[in-house]
Amino acid sequence: MLENVVNKLSNNVDKAWNRNAKLTNIMRHSKSWWNDNCSSELEKYRLLKSLEDWKFFCKTVKSTKKIFFNFKINEITNKK
């Protein structure tokens, strides 16, 4: 009886894990603040190799970092 319950629970946990887990690719830009905007701007720069695209990529990274770390700082200060 208990063994059946444990097996069912284990199966449900496995199903939930497989349904919700996502594969991540570890790469040079695997930073916690890195997002899809950063990736798309980097790809845009790599395709066109223009100075303006590089500057826009840098601005995107800078603003993304600022938003992320301000959120983290607020999260830490609000815990105490």
Protein backbone atom coordinates (compact mmCIF):
# COMPACT_ATOMS: atom_id res chain seq x y z
CA MET A 1 0.00 0.00 0.00
CA LEU A 2 2.65 2.52 1.06
CA GLU A 3 4.90 1.41 -1.79
CA ASN A 4 2.12 2.16 -4.32
CA VAL A 5 1.59 5.64 -2.89
CA VAL A 6 5.33 6.37 -3.02
CA ASN A 7 5.57 5.11 -6.60
CA LYS A 8 2.59 7.26 -7.69
CA LEU A 9 4.11 10.29 -5.99
CA SER A 10 7.44 9.61 -7.67
CA ASN A 11 5.76 9.29 -11.07
CA ASN A 12 3.84 12.54 -10.56
CA VAL A 13 7.03 14.38 -9.56
CA ASP A 14 8.82 13.00 -12.63
CA LYS A 15 5.97 14.06 -14.92
CA ALA A 16 5.87 17.56 -13.41
CA TRP A 17 9.66 17.87 -13.71
CA ASN A 18 9.68 16.78 -17.36
CA ARG A 19 6.78 19.09 -18.18
CA ASN A 20 8.27 22.20 -16.54
CA ALA A 21 12.05 21.78 -16.77
CA LYS A 22 13.88 23.57 -19.54
CA LEU A 23 17.24 22.90 -21.07
CA THR A 24 19.80 25.64 -20.70
CA ASN A 25 22.83 26.16 -22.82
CA ILE A 26 25.84 27.24 -20.81
CA MET A 27 27.76 29.76 -22.83
CA ARG A 28 30.06 32.71 -22.42
CA HIS A 29 27.11 35.02 -21.78
CA SER A 30 25.42 32.81 -19.19
CA LYS A 31 24.97 35.58 -16.69
CA SER A 32 21.92 35.88 -14.47
CA TRP A 33 21.17 39.32 -15.92
CA TRP A 34 21.55 38.26 -19.59
CA ASN A 35 18.20 38.15 -21.40
CA ASP A 36 16.73 37.73 -24.88
CA ASN A 37 17.16 41.44 -25.66
CA CYS A 38 20.90 41.14 -25.10
CA SER A 39 21.07 38.07 -27.31
CA SER A 40 19.09 39.64 -30.13
CA GLU A 41 21.16 42.84 -30.07
CA LEU A 42 24.36 40.82 -30.11
CA GLU A 43 23.11 38.79 -33.08
CA LYS A 44 22.14 42.00 -34.87
CA TYR A 45 25.63 43.39 -34.33
CA ARG A 46 27.27 40.15 -35.48
CA LEU A 47 25.26 40.17 -38.71
CA LEU A 48 25.86 43.79 -39.70
CA LYS A 49 29.12 44.62 -37.87
CA SER A 50 28.19 48.29 -37.67
CA LEU A 51 29.43 50.64 -34.97
CA GLU A 52 25.90 51.85 -34.26
CA ASP A 53 24.70 48.32 -33.61
CA TRP A 54 27.64 47.78 -31.26
CA LYS A 55 26.77 50.95 -29.35
CA PHE A 56 23.12 49.94 -29.15
CA PHE A 57 24.15 46.49 -27.89
CA CYS A 58 26.31 48.09 -25.19
CA LYS A 59 23.44 50.36 -24.14
CA THR A 60 21.09 47.41 -24.00
CA VAL A 61 23.51 45.44 -21.82
CA LYS A 62 24.08 48.42 -19.54
CA SER A 63 20.38 49.08 -19.03
CA THR A 64 19.63 45.38 -18.55
CA LYS A 65 22.33 45.11 -15.89
CA LYS A 66 21.08 48.26 -14.18
CA ILE A 67 17.49 47.00 -14.02
CA PHE A 68 18.59 43.54 -12.83
CA PHE A 69 20.93 44.74 -10.10
CA ASN A 70 18.55 47.44 -8.88
CA PHE A 71 15.92 44.72 -8.52
CA LYS A 72 18.37 42.51 -6.63
CA ILE A 73 19.38 45.39 -4.33
CA ASN A 74 15.73 46.14 -3.58
CA GLU A 75 15.08 42.45 -2.97
CA ILE A 76 17.94 42.27 -0.46
CA THR A 77 17.02 45.48 1.36
CA ASN A 78 13.38 44.48 1.65
CA LYS A 79 14.28 41.13 3.26
CA LYS A 80 15.66 42.89 6.32
